[in-house]
């Protein structure tokens, strides 16, 4: 999956201490400055960008821990919707 939309949402809403465009896809986003409040804003942006809705079972810290994790969950949601 192209992570551009994820990085864009993180850059706009994640309030990270580092540039979202330079962070490794496996890096811990919470260590990079993502807060639980900011993760909600990122989630809302991703729902709009991908036209998805995160189900309750994916509303956990692990989902938002890295770009890779977000990409995997979004890919699954898009595949399930297809």
Protein backbone atom coordinates (compact mmCIF):
# COMPACT_ATOMS: atom_id res chain seq x y z
CA UNK A 1 0.00 0.00 0.00
CA UNK A 2 1.12 3.52 -0.77
CA UNK A 3 1.70 5.20 2.58
CA UNK A 4 1.44 8.75 1.24
CA UNK A 5 -2.10 9.34 2.59
CA UNK A 6 -1.09 7.91 5.98
CA UNK A 7 1.99 10.15 6.16
CA UNK A 8 -0.10 13.13 5.07
CA UNK A 9 -2.64 12.49 7.85
CA UNK A 10 0.18 12.11 10.36
CA UNK A 11 1.86 15.30 9.16
CA UNK A 12 -1.39 17.29 9.39
CA UNK A 13 -2.93 15.82 12.53
CA UNK A 14 -0.35 13.73 14.39
CA UNK A 15 1.58 16.58 16.03
CA UNK A 16 4.71 14.43 15.82
CA UNK A 17 8.06 15.65 17.12
CA UNK A 18 9.62 14.51 13.84
CA UNK A 19 8.71 14.94 10.18
CA UNK A 20 6.11 12.32 9.22
CA UNK A 21 7.69 12.10 5.76
CA UNK A 22 11.04 10.94 7.17
CA UNK A 23 9.91 8.48 9.84
CA UNK A 24 10.52 4.79 9.16
CA UNK A 25 7.34 2.82 8.48
CA UNK A 26 8.10 0.49 11.40
CA UNK A 27 9.01 3.26 13.87
CA UNK A 28 6.90 3.67 17.00
CA UNK A 29 4.66 6.67 16.35
CA UNK A 30 3.99 7.18 20.06
CA UNK A 31 7.74 7.46 20.68
CA UNK A 32 7.76 10.01 17.84
CA UNK A 33 5.27 12.15 19.75
CA UNK A 34 1.83 10.83 18.76
CA UNK A 35 -0.65 11.23 21.61
CA UNK A 36 -3.92 9.41 22.10
CA UNK A 37 -5.78 12.64 21.34
CA UNK A 38 -3.80 13.20 18.14
CA UNK A 39 -4.36 9.57 17.13
CA UNK A 40 -8.12 10.22 17.13
CA UNK A 41 -7.61 13.14 14.74
CA UNK A 42 -5.37 10.96 12.55
CA UNK A 43 -8.03 8.23 12.57
CA UNK A 44 -10.76 10.68 11.50
CA UNK A 45 -8.57 12.00 8.69
CA UNK A 46 -7.77 8.48 7.49
CA UNK A 47 -11.45 7.53 7.56
CA UNK A 48 -12.19 10.49 5.30
CA UNK A 49 -9.19 9.91 3.02
CA UNK A 50 -9.83 6.19 2.49
CA UNK A 51 -13.64 6.24 2.87
CA UNK A 52 -13.49 3.64 5.64
CA UNK A 53 -14.58 3.34 9.25
CA UNK A 54 -12.31 1.82 11.85
CA UNK A 55 -14.29 -0.87 13.71
CA UNK A 56 -14.16 -1.01 17.49
CA UNK A 57 -11.75 -3.96 17.46
CA UNK A 58 -9.18 -1.83 15.62
CA UNK A 59 -9.48 1.15 17.96
CA UNK A 60 -6.45 0.22 20.01
CA UNK A 61 -3.00 1.62 20.54
CA UNK A 62 -1.34 -1.13 18.47
CA UNK A 63 -3.24 -0.05 15.34
CA UNK A 64 -1.72 3.42 15.55
CA UNK A 65 1.73 2.35 16.75
CA UNK A 66 3.37 2.51 13.32
CA UNK A 67 2.75 3.36 9.70
CA UNK A 68 3.07 -0.35 8.91
CA UNK A 69 0.31 -1.22 11.39
CA UNK A 70 -1.97 1.49 10.04
CA UNK A 71 -1.30 0.35 6.49
CA UNK A 72 -2.14 -3.27 7.36
CA UNK A 73 -5.43 -2.35 9.07
CA UNK A 74 -6.46 0.02 6.27
CA UNK A 75 -5.61 -2.60 3.63
CA UNK A 76 -7.74 -5.16 5.49
CA UNK A 77 -10.66 -2.72 5.75
CA UNK A 78 -10.44 -1.85 2.06
CA UNK A 79 -10.27 -5.52 1.09
CA UNK A 80 -13.27 -6.34 3.30
CA UNK A 81 -15.25 -3.53 1.66
CA UNK A 82 -14.45 -4.69 -1.88
